[in-house]
Amino acid sequence: MLRLTWVQPEDLIGHELRQASQDGREPSAVAARWRAAGGPEAPLTAGASPTPASPYLRLLATDLLDELADLPSTLADDEPTDLARIKSLCPDWPVTAGNRAAGAMGVPPLERSREWGRVGAGGTPSGGGTPQTPGCATTPRAPHPARLEAAWLGRAVGCLLGKPVEKLPLTGIRHLAKATKNWPLRTYFTAHGVPEDLLTRYPWNRRSATTSLAENIDGMPEDDDLNYPLLALLVLQRHGRAFTPTDVARVWLDELPAGRTFTAERVAYRNLLSGLEPPLTARHHNPFREWIGALIRADVHGWTNPGDPAAAAEQAHRDATLTHTANGVYAAMFTAAVIATAATGDHDVHACLRIGLTVVPPRSRLARAVHRAVRLAHEHTDFDTVVDVLHDTYAATHHWVHSVPNTALIAAALTHADGDFTGSVCRAVSGGWDTDSNGATAGSIAALLAGSPRALPERWTAPLKNRLATSVGDFHGTGFDTLARLTHLEATRP
């Protein structure tokens, strides 16, 4: 029997109950009704429960989803989705490119870096970068295609590293890597030398093992973490920088097979086919609207707005609100702003993360999580300790694809590795949760900072063979150098 994942009401209700408890609604009465009727919990890792619910439970789940949507939230004032309200809550919102004739970039004052623990004895940030003079920066310029090629490669490498262990528990990832003497993680996973009983307990991701273990890699296999940057590139090519969420939807319907969507994107796709329009597509029966899907679509918006984190964040917002709300949107805006800052090559990773947070409401759950993760990364020399604290904080209450813990882990990995490419992708993946997405975003940022494909170790990039598999548009088989040139065109387009 076909069990369509991520859309069945009886599978959505458990996730929506958890989402309600996180975003300031009181779902206990609804939860009691669902459980009294014999309703199941949400599937732990899969998108659908193994057997369909009765017609009664399905109708009840649909009604309860509507009831939950009507509950008031105590966090609404601190966590809006509307861009104007987001800006009103961000006191250090970056200066946009249009207002930068005199060179101001909106870099937060150096004093704020003390909150991150990066200022040394002489007032100089201790992360290896040059301290920024408040309010000063160079005029935006498009990154060299080589820097963009590095970013595309870095995204692919990080994604590929994480694919075999996606959905595995943290313990399983550590045991599999240690079994092949690859811990701390430093290269692609392999099945060679892994005991059979260990593979029985912790099997590789079944869709990825044949393409993503070291012995099987032959070019970059298809993955949604690369499909969405391709779609974002198509959006810019067809609709320009002033695209709308509706334009994003049109490109998806034209170019994205429905079966290649998951979680919030699949619900939004279904909502589009049901006749709903953005931003309702993000809210209607969509308990995944604060998960990681919008974050993984943010890179192109940063790559094409070098030195302009505000413009990058605003583009990411228009993309994200097709499918996400609140912290799911902030994760995309934060990532786009970090990447836009890194794209100039003028800032270290710590400044990039700091500037990224200027587009996130400071009292939001995402801002608090990122601040705490960065602080942990400074306090502990052993990254496993950082990961253990993050898991102790979030694993019991958040799905492994939720944007809040995953964004925190990415920030911690980049901070702890001081922006080093291998250190960043390996830490991001070794931290578990959404391993391929976290590795991809950390890889994109760290590779941008590295500045060139030649700066990335060949053991990472050679197996990709400058070839990307995808079902999006006409991109199948495209090289990363070609993608870099296409991205550069959009970065230089008015």
Protein backbone atom coordinates (compact mmCIF):
# COMPACT_ATOMS: atom_id res chain seq x y z
CA MET A 1 0.00 0.00 0.00
CA LEU A 2 1.24 3.49 -0.86
CA ARG A 3 1.66 5.60 2.28
CA LEU A 4 2.21 9.16 1.07
CA THR A 5 4.56 10.82 3.54
CA TRP A 6 4.38 14.22 5.24
CA VAL A 7 0.75 15.01 4.34
CA GLN A 8 -1.61 12.54 6.07
CA PRO A 9 -3.63 14.33 8.79
CA GLU A 10 -3.13 11.50 11.30
CA ASP A 11 0.64 11.83 10.84
CA LEU A 12 0.61 15.64 11.01
CA ILE A 13 -1.34 16.06 14.23
CA GLY A 14 1.41 14.79 16.54
CA HIS A 15 3.92 17.16 14.98
CA GLU A 16 1.47 20.06 15.25
CA LEU A 17 0.92 19.33 18.95
CA ARG A 18 4.67 19.55 19.49
CA GLN A 19 4.92 22.70 17.38
CA ALA A 20 2.14 24.32 19.41
CA SER A 21 3.93 23.67 22.68
CA GLN A 22 7.09 25.25 21.24
CA ASP A 23 5.54 28.39 19.76
CA GLY A 24 3.58 29.49 22.80
CA ARG A 25 0.18 27.87 22.32
CA GLU A 26 -1.54 25.63 24.89
CA PRO A 27 -2.36 22.32 23.14
CA SER A 28 -3.11 20.09 26.15
CA ALA A 29 -6.90 19.96 25.65
CA VAL A 30 -6.53 19.06 21.97
CA ALA A 31 -3.85 16.51 22.79
CA ALA A 32 -6.12 14.86 25.34
CA ARG A 33 -8.92 14.50 22.79
CA TRP A 34 -6.56 12.98 20.23
CA ARG A 35 -5.12 10.46 22.66
CA ALA A 36 -8.52 9.57 24.12
CA ALA A 37 -9.64 8.66 20.60
CA GLY A 38 -6.65 6.36 20.21
CA GLY A 39 -4.66 8.70 18.00
CA PRO A 40 -0.97 7.73 17.57
CA GLU A 41 2.10 9.82 18.26
CA ALA A 42 3.93 11.40 15.34
CA PRO A 43 6.30 9.07 13.45
CA LEU A 44 9.76 9.43 14.96
CA THR A 45 11.85 9.47 11.77
CA ALA A 46 9.61 8.61 8.83
CA GLY A 47 7.06 10.85 7.19
CA ALA A 48 4.17 8.43 7.67
CA SER A 49 3.05 5.87 10.20
CA PRO A 50 3.26 2.27 8.97
CA THR A 51 -0.51 1.76 8.72
CA PRO A 52 -3.30 4.15 7.74
CA ALA A 53 -5.66 5.52 10.36
CA SER A 54 -9.38 4.82 10.41
CA PRO A 55 -11.65 7.27 8.58
CA TYR A 56 -12.81 8.57 11.96
CA LEU A 57 -9.27 9.31 13.16
CA ARG A 58 -8.40 10.97 9.88
CA LEU A 59 -11.40 13.31 10.10
CA LEU A 60 -10.69 14.01 13.76
CA ALA A 61 -7.07 14.84 12.99
CA THR A 62 -8.18 17.29 10.30
CA ASP A 63 -10.56 19.03 12.69
CA LEU A 64 -7.96 19.19 15.46
CA LEU A 65 -5.37 20.69 13.11
CA ASP A 66 -7.82 23.52 12.45
CA GLU A 67 -8.45 23.99 16.18
CA LEU A 68 -4.74 24.16 16.91
CA ALA A 69 -4.28 26.79 14.23
CA ASP A 70 -6.77 29.03 16.00
CA LEU A 71 -5.04 28.93 19.39
CA PRO A 72 -3.36 32.20 20.45
CA SER A 73 0.41 32.28 20.94
CA THR A 74 2.25 33.99 23.78
CA LEU A 75 5.32 34.35 21.53
CA ALA A 76 3.64 36.15 18.64
CA ASP A 77 5.02 39.59 19.54
CA ASP A 78 8.63 38.34 19.77
CA GLU A 79 8.48 36.02 16.76
CA PRO A 80 6.62 37.61 13.83
CA THR A 81 6.86 36.43 10.23
CA ASP A 82 6.03 39.74 8.55
CA LEU A 83 9.24 41.38 7.31
CA ALA A 84 8.41 44.88 8.54
CA ARG A 85 7.76 43.56 12.03
CA ILE A 86 10.95 41.50 11.95
CA LYS A 87 12.93 44.61 11.05
CA SER A 88 11.27 46.59 13.82
CA LEU A 89 12.59 44.09 16.37
CA CYS A 90 16.17 44.09 15.04
CA PRO A 91 18.01 47.17 16.40
CA ASP A 92 21.14 46.46 14.34
CA TRP A 93 19.46 45.62 11.03
CA PRO A 94 22.25 46.03 8.44
CA VAL A 95 22.43 49.06 6.15
CA THR A 96 21.32 48.08 2.65
CA ALA A 97 23.45 48.46 -0.45
CA GLY A 98 21.26 51.28 -1.69
CA ASN A 99 22.22 53.40 1.32
CA ARG A 100 25.89 52.60 1.21
CA ALA A 101 27.24 55.34 -1.03
CA ALA A 102 29.65 56.37 1.68
CA GLY A 103 30.74 52.80 2.30
CA ALA A 104 28.72 51.96 5.42
CA MET A 105 27.89 48.27 5.72
CA GLY A 106 26.09 48.07 9.01
CA VAL A 107 28.73 45.97 10.78
CA PRO A 108 27.78 45.82 14.44
CA PRO A 109 30.12 47.80 16.70
CA LEU A 110 33.21 45.99 17.89
CA GLU A 111 31.91 46.19 21.45
CA ARG A 112 29.21 43.65 20.59
CA SER A 113 31.83 41.07 19.73
CA ARG A 114 32.68 40.92 23.41
CA GLU A 115 29.36 39.16 23.91
CA TRP A 116 30.77 36.36 21.78
CA GLY A 117 34.01 36.08 23.74
CA ARG A 118 36.17 36.89 20.72
CA VAL A 119 37.99 40.03 21.88
CA GLY A 120 41.54 39.53 23.06
CA ALA A 121 43.77 41.61 25.29
CA GLY A 122 44.31 44.39 22.79
CA GLY A 123 40.67 44.67 21.69
CA THR A 124 41.41 42.49 18.66
CA PRO A 125 39.09 39.59 17.83
CA SER A 126 40.94 36.36 18.58
CA GLY A 127 39.52 34.35 15.66
CA GLY A 128 42.19 35.27 13.12
CA GLY A 129 40.21 37.97 11.30
CA THR A 130 40.70 41.70 11.05
CA PRO A 131 38.60 43.74 13.47
CA GLN A 132 35.95 45.82 11.75
CA THR A 133 35.81 49.56 12.28
CA PRO A 134 32.23 50.36 13.25
CA GLY A 135 30.16 51.46 10.26
CA CYS A 136 32.93 50.94 7.70
CA ALA A 137 33.18 48.47 4.85
CA THR A 138 33.94 48.32 1.17
CA THR A 139 31.38 48.80 -1.59
CA PRO A 140 29.69 45.49 -2.54
CA ARG A 141 31.30 43.60 -5.37
CA ALA A 142 30.46 40.28 -6.96
CA PRO A 143 32.56 37.37 -5.72
CA HIS A 144 35.03 35.98 -8.23
CA PRO A 145 33.58 32.90 -9.96
CA ALA A 146 36.29 30.82 -8.27
CA ARG A 147 34.96 31.78 -4.84
CA LEU A 148 31.44 30.83 -5.94
CA GLU A 149 32.69 27.55 -7.36
CA ALA A 150 34.27 26.82 -3.98
CA ALA A 151 30.95 27.56 -2.31
CA TRP A 152 29.01 25.20 -4.59
CA LEU A 153 31.66 22.51 -4.06
CA GLY A 154 31.67 23.07 -0.32
CA ARG A 155 27.91 22.70 -0.18
CA ALA A 156 28.09 19.45 -2.14
CA VAL A 157 30.94 18.02 -0.07
CA GLY A 158 29.23 18.72 3.25
CA CYS A 159 25.98 17.26 2.00
CA LEU A 160 27.70 14.16 0.65
CA LEU A 161 29.56 13.59 3.91
CA GLY A 162 26.32 13.64 5.87
CA LYS A 163 24.11 11.60 3.54
CA PRO A 164 24.99 8.05 4.70
CA VAL A 165 24.26 8.82 8.36
CA GLU A 166 21.15 10.95 7.95
CA LYS A 167 18.45 9.91 10.48
CA LEU A 168 20.93 7.92 12.59
CA PRO A 169 21.22 8.68 16.30
CA LEU A 170 24.32 10.45 17.54
CA THR A 171 25.62 7.26 19.16
CA GLY A 172 25.36 5.41 15.86
CA ILE A 173 27.29 8.06 13.95
CA ARG A 174 30.10 7.95 16.48
CA HIS A 175 30.29 4.14 16.53
CA LEU A 176 30.33 3.85 12.73
CA ALA A 177 33.10 6.42 12.37
CA LYS A 178 35.18 4.96 15.20
CA ALA A 179 34.88 1.47 13.69
CA THR A 180 36.90 2.66 10.68
CA LYS A 181 39.28 4.88 12.69
CA ASN A 182 37.60 7.98 11.25
CA TRP A 183 36.92 9.72 14.57
CA PRO A 184 37.17 12.61 15.07
CA LEU A 185 35.59 12.70 11.64
CA ARG A 186 38.02 13.77 8.90
CA THR A 187 36.87 12.16 5.64
CA TYR A 188 33.92 10.42 3.99
CA PHE A 189 32.26 7.46 5.73
CA THR A 190 33.05 3.96 4.53
CA ALA A 191 31.51 0.53 5.11
CA HIS A 192 34.90 -1.16 4.83
CA GLY A 193 35.86 -2.56 8.20
CA VAL A 194 32.52 -1.92 9.91
CA PRO A 195 31.35 -5.02 11.85
CA GLU A 196 28.09 -6.54 10.62
CA ASP A 197 26.46 -6.39 14.03
CA LEU A 198 27.14 -2.64 14.16
CA LEU A 199 25.55 -2.14 10.73
CA THR A 200 22.55 -4.12 11.90
CA ARG A 201 22.10 -1.75 14.84
CA TYR A 202 22.89 1.39 12.85
CA PRO A 203 22.20 0.84 9.14
CA TRP A 204 23.32 3.45 6.64
CA ASN A 205 20.62 5.64 5.11
CA ARG A 206 19.16 3.24 2.58
CA ARG A 207 18.76 5.84 -0.15
CA SER A 208 22.29 7.18 0.19
CA ALA A 209 24.65 4.32 0.96
CA THR A 210 24.93 3.26 -2.69
CA THR A 211 26.04 6.74 -3.78
CA SER A 212 27.59 8.44 -0.75
CA LEU A 213 29.94 6.04 1.03
CA ALA A 214 33.57 6.68 0.06
CA GLU A 215 33.82 3.52 -2.03
CA ASN A 216 30.66 4.38 -3.98
CA ILE A 217 31.01 8.09 -4.74
CA ASP A 218 30.93 8.81 -8.48
CA GLY A 219 30.01 12.46 -8.85
CA MET A 220 27.53 14.34 -6.65
CA PRO A 221 24.28 12.37 -6.33
CA GLU A 222 20.91 14.11 -6.29
CA ASP A 223 19.84 15.64 -3.00
CA ASP A 224 17.29 18.26 -1.99
CA ASP A 225 20.13 20.26 -0.41
CA LEU A 226 21.44 20.89 -3.93
CA ASN A 227 18.09 20.88 -5.73
CA TYR A 228 16.86 23.94 -3.85
CA PRO A 229 19.87 26.15 -4.68
CA LEU A 230 19.29 25.22 -8.33
CA LEU A 231 15.65 26.26 -8.02
CA ALA A 232 16.66 29.54 -6.38
CA LEU A 233 19.00 30.16 -9.30
CA LEU A 234 16.11 29.56 -11.71
CA VAL A 235 13.92 31.97 -9.74
CA LEU A 236 16.53 34.72 -10.14
CA GLN A 237 17.07 33.96 -13.83
CA ARG A 238 13.35 34.11 -14.62
CA HIS A 239 12.05 36.75 -12.22
CA GLY A 240 15.04 38.80 -11.06
CA ARG A 241 15.80 40.12 -7.59
CA ALA A 242 12.27 41.45 -7.10
CA PHE A 243 10.74 37.96 -7.24
CA THR A 244 7.76 37.18 -5.03
CA PRO A 245 6.79 34.02 -3.10
CA THR A 246 4.31 33.38 -5.92
CA ASP A 247 7.18 33.44 -8.41
CA VAL A 248 8.99 30.84 -6.32
CA ALA A 249 5.83 28.73 -6.36
CA ARG A 250 5.57 28.98 -10.16
CA VAL A 251 9.15 27.77 -10.61
CA TRP A 252 8.54 24.87 -8.25
CA LEU A 253 5.41 23.77 -10.05
CA ASP A 254 7.24 23.98 -13.38
CA GLU A 255 10.54 22.38 -12.38
CA LEU A 256 10.34 20.49 -9.06
CA PRO A 257 8.88 16.97 -9.04
CA ALA A 258 6.50 16.62 -6.11
CA GLY A 259 8.24 13.43 -5.03
CA ARG A 260 11.46 15.38 -4.45
CA THR A 261 9.82 17.50 -1.76
CA PHE A 262 9.68 16.70 1.95
CA THR A 263 8.18 18.08 5.18
CA ALA A 264 7.19 21.77 4.87
CA GLU A 265 7.90 21.89 1.15
CA ARG A 266 5.64 18.92 0.43
CA VAL A 267 2.80 20.40 2.49
CA ALA A 268 3.17 23.76 0.72
CA TYR A 269 3.27 22.00 -2.66
CA ARG A 270 0.06 20.18 -1.77
CA ASN A 271 -1.50 23.44 -0.63
CA LEU A 272 -0.61 25.07 -3.94
CA LEU A 273 -2.29 22.25 -5.84
CA SER A 274 -5.33 22.70 -3.59
CA GLY A 275 -5.62 26.33 -4.70
CA LEU A 276 -4.08 28.06 -1.67
CA GLU A 277 -1.69 30.96 -2.20
CA PRO A 278 1.34 32.20 -0.22
CA PRO A 279 1.66 32.87 2.66
CA LEU A 280 -1.25 30.59 3.57
CA THR A 281 0.67 27.75 1.89
CA ALA A 282 3.12 27.94 4.79
CA ARG A 283 0.50 27.83 7.53
CA HIS A 284 -2.30 25.52 6.47
CA HIS A 285 -1.92 22.08 8.08
CA ASN A 286 1.86 22.55 8.02
CA PRO A 287 3.44 21.51 11.32
CA PHE A 288 6.88 21.59 9.68
CA ARG A 289 6.89 25.36 9.12
CA GLU A 290 9.75 25.90 11.57
CA TRP A 291 11.87 23.03 10.31
CA ILE A 292 15.06 23.32 8.26
CA GLY A 293 13.66 23.43 4.71
CA ALA A 294 13.88 27.19 4.20
CA LEU A 295 17.42 27.31 5.57
CA ILE A 296 18.68 24.91 2.91
CA ARG A 297 17.29 27.22 0.21
CA ALA A 298 19.15 30.32 1.41
CA ASP A 299 22.63 30.01 -0.09
CA VAL A 300 21.97 31.54 -3.51
CA HIS A 301 20.42 34.60 -1.88
CA GLY A 302 23.64 35.15 0.04
CA TRP A 303 25.93 34.35 -2.90
CA THR A 304 24.18 36.90 -5.12
CA ASN A 305 24.20 39.72 -2.54
CA PRO A 306 27.85 39.91 -1.50
CA GLY A 307 28.43 42.48 1.21
CA ASP A 308 24.70 43.17 1.53
CA PRO A 309 23.33 40.93 4.29
CA ALA A 310 20.10 42.95 4.47
CA ALA A 311 19.26 42.35 0.80
CA ALA A 312 20.21 38.69 1.15
CA ALA A 313 17.96 38.31 4.18
CA GLU A 314 15.06 40.01 2.42
CA GLN A 315 15.40 37.71 -0.60
CA ALA A 316 15.56 34.70 1.69
CA HIS A 317 12.43 35.93 3.46
CA ARG A 318 10.45 36.06 0.20
CA ASP A 319 11.61 32.55 -0.66
CA ALA A 320 11.03 31.14 2.83
CA THR A 321 7.52 32.43 3.40
CA LEU A 322 6.15 30.13 0.71
CA THR A 323 6.69 27.26 3.16
CA HIS A 324 7.75 28.54 6.59
CA THR A 325 6.96 30.94 9.41
CA ALA A 326 8.81 32.57 12.34
CA ASN A 327 11.97 30.65 13.29
CA GLY A 328 11.91 28.61 10.10
CA VAL A 329 12.09 31.91 8.19
CA TYR A 330 14.70 33.39 10.55
CA ALA A 331 16.99 30.41 9.95
CA ALA A 332 16.95 31.16 6.22
CA MET A 333 17.47 34.89 6.76
CA PHE A 334 20.34 34.28 9.19
CA THR A 335 22.04 31.87 6.78
CA ALA A 336 21.65 34.20 3.79
CA ALA A 337 23.07 37.13 5.77
CA VAL A 338 26.03 35.07 7.01
CA ILE A 339 26.78 33.94 3.45
CA ALA A 340 26.42 37.44 1.99
CA THR A 341 28.97 38.65 4.53
CA ALA A 342 31.34 35.76 3.86
CA ALA A 343 31.06 36.22 0.08
CA THR A 344 33.26 39.33 0.05
CA GLY A 345 36.18 37.57 1.72
CA ASP A 346 36.61 40.55 4.05
CA HIS A 347 35.39 39.00 7.32
CA ASP A 348 36.24 36.00 9.45
CA VAL A 349 33.62 33.43 10.35
CA HIS A 350 32.91 34.99 13.72
CA ALA A 351 32.07 38.36 12.20
CA CYS A 352 29.90 36.61 9.59
CA LEU A 353 27.87 34.84 12.28
CA ARG A 354 27.60 38.00 14.33
CA ILE A 355 26.29 39.99 11.36
CA GLY A 356 23.93 37.15 10.49
CA LEU A 357 22.24 37.52 13.85
CA THR A 358 21.44 41.18 13.17
CA VAL A 359 18.55 40.06 10.93
CA VAL A 360 17.03 37.75 13.56
CA PRO A 361 14.64 39.02 16.24
CA PRO A 362 16.81 38.98 19.37
CA ARG A 363 14.18 37.46 21.68
CA SER A 364 13.36 34.64 19.27
CA ARG A 365 14.13 31.04 20.05
CA LEU A 366 16.54 30.89 17.13
CA ALA A 367 18.59 33.89 18.27
CA ARG A 368 18.86 32.53 21.80
CA ALA A 369 19.88 29.09 20.52
CA VAL A 370 22.60 30.45 18.23
CA HIS A 371 24.03 32.72 20.92
CA ARG A 372 24.19 29.80 23.34
CA ALA A 373 25.75 27.45 20.79
CA VAL A 374 28.47 29.96 19.92
CA ARG A 375 29.20 30.49 23.60
CA LEU A 376 29.47 26.72 24.14
CA ALA A 377 31.86 26.43 21.20
CA HIS A 378 34.13 29.02 22.83
CA GLU A 379 33.95 27.42 26.25
CA HIS A 380 34.81 23.81 25.34
CA THR A 381 37.87 22.54 23.51
CA ASP A 382 36.21 19.16 22.89
CA PHE A 383 33.47 19.54 20.31
CA ASP A 384 31.80 16.32 21.44
CA THR A 385 31.02 18.11 24.70
CA VAL A 386 29.37 20.96 22.79
CA VAL A 387 27.27 18.46 20.84
CA ASP A 388 26.27 16.56 23.97
CA VAL A 389 25.04 19.76 25.63
CA LEU A 390 23.04 20.72 22.53
CA HIS A 391 21.45 17.28 22.37
CA ASP A 392 20.66 17.36 26.08
CA THR A 393 18.93 20.69 25.48
CA TYR A 394 16.92 19.92 22.35
CA ALA A 395 16.74 16.22 21.48
CA ALA A 396 13.80 15.40 23.74
CA THR A 397 11.62 18.28 22.57
CA HIS A 398 12.58 19.01 18.94
CA HIS A 399 12.39 16.88 15.83
CA TRP A 400 15.78 16.11 14.29
CA VAL A 401 14.90 18.35 11.31
CA HIS A 402 13.80 21.40 13.33
CA SER A 403 15.59 24.63 12.39
CA VAL A 404 16.41 25.79 15.93
CA PRO A 405 18.78 23.02 17.07
CA ASN A 406 20.21 22.48 13.59
CA THR A 407 21.04 26.17 13.08
CA ALA A 408 22.62 26.23 16.53
CA LEU A 409 24.74 23.20 15.64
CA ILE A 410 25.90 24.80 12.36
CA ALA A 411 26.93 27.98 14.20
CA ALA A 412 28.73 25.96 16.87
CA ALA A 413 30.60 23.91 14.25
CA LEU A 414 31.77 26.96 12.31
CA THR A 415 32.81 28.74 15.50
CA HIS A 416 34.67 25.79 16.99
CA ALA A 417 36.52 25.12 13.72
CA ASP A 418 37.35 28.82 13.34
CA GLY A 419 35.91 28.62 9.82
CA ASP A 420 38.35 25.94 8.63
CA PHE A 421 36.68 23.94 5.85
CA THR A 422 37.40 20.36 6.93
CA GLY A 423 36.86 21.19 10.58
CA SER A 424 33.54 22.90 9.88
CA VAL A 425 31.92 20.20 7.73
CA CYS A 426 33.16 17.38 9.93
CA ARG A 427 31.94 19.02 13.12
CA ALA A 428 28.57 19.84 11.58
CA VAL A 429 28.03 16.26 10.42
CA SER A 430 29.43 14.66 13.55
CA GLY A 431 26.85 16.56 15.59
CA GLY A 432 24.00 14.46 14.19
CA TRP A 433 20.41 15.58 13.50
CA ASP A 434 20.01 16.69 9.86
CA THR A 435 23.52 15.68 8.94
CA ASP A 436 23.50 16.29 5.19
CA SER A 437 21.79 19.69 5.45
CA ASN A 438 24.06 20.86 8.26
CA GLY A 439 27.15 19.68 6.44
CA ALA A 440 26.00 21.43 3.27
CA THR A 441 25.44 24.82 4.91
CA ALA A 442 28.63 24.68 6.96
CA GLY A 443 30.52 23.63 3.83
CA SER A 444 29.11 26.48 1.77
CA ILE A 445 30.12 29.09 4.34
CA ALA A 446 33.56 27.67 5.09
CA ALA A 447 34.36 27.21 1.39
CA LEU A 448 33.38 30.80 0.66
CA LEU A 449 35.84 31.89 3.32
CA ALA A 450 38.49 29.60 1.82
CA GLY A 451 37.98 31.52 -1.43
CA SER A 452 38.89 29.04 -4.15
CA PRO A 453 38.41 25.38 -5.14
CA ARG A 454 42.18 25.00 -4.85
CA ALA A 455 41.90 25.85 -1.16
CA LEU A 456 39.67 22.82 -0.54
CA PRO A 457 41.46 19.49 0.08
CA GLU A 458 41.38 17.29 -3.00
CA ARG A 459 40.20 14.25 -1.04
CA TRP A 460 36.91 16.07 -0.64
CA THR A 461 36.41 17.50 -4.13
CA ALA A 462 37.98 14.94 -6.49
CA PRO A 463 35.27 12.28 -6.02
CA LEU A 464 32.63 14.82 -7.14
CA LYS A 465 34.15 14.77 -10.66
CA ASN A 466 32.69 18.22 -11.32
CA ARG A 467 29.31 16.63 -11.97
CA LEU A 468 25.97 17.11 -10.24
CA ALA A 469 22.94 14.81 -10.54
CA THR A 470 19.52 16.42 -10.23
CA SER A 471 15.95 16.23 -11.48
CA VAL A 472 15.63 20.03 -11.53
CA GLY A 473 15.35 21.78 -14.88
CA ASP A 474 18.18 21.15 -17.31
CA PHE A 475 20.88 21.02 -14.65
CA HIS A 476 21.49 17.27 -14.59
CA GLY A 477 25.19 16.60 -15.15
CA THR A 478 26.16 20.26 -14.81
CA GLY A 479 29.62 21.07 -13.48
CA PHE A 480 30.21 23.20 -10.42
CA ASP A 481 32.32 25.59 -12.47
CA THR A 482 29.31 26.19 -14.74
CA LEU A 483 27.04 26.74 -11.74
CA ALA A 484 29.53 29.26 -10.41
CA ARG A 485 29.45 31.23 -13.67
CA LEU A 486 25.64 31.22 -13.72
CA THR A 487 25.57 32.40 -10.11
CA HIS A 488 28.10 35.12 -10.89
CA LEU A 489 25.80 36.39 -13.65
CA GLU A 490 22.97 36.77 -11.14
CA ALA A 491 25.28 38.41 -8.60
CA THR A 492 26.21 41.08 -11.16
CA ARG A 493 22.71 41.58 -12.58
CA PRO A 494 21.09 44.91 -11.52
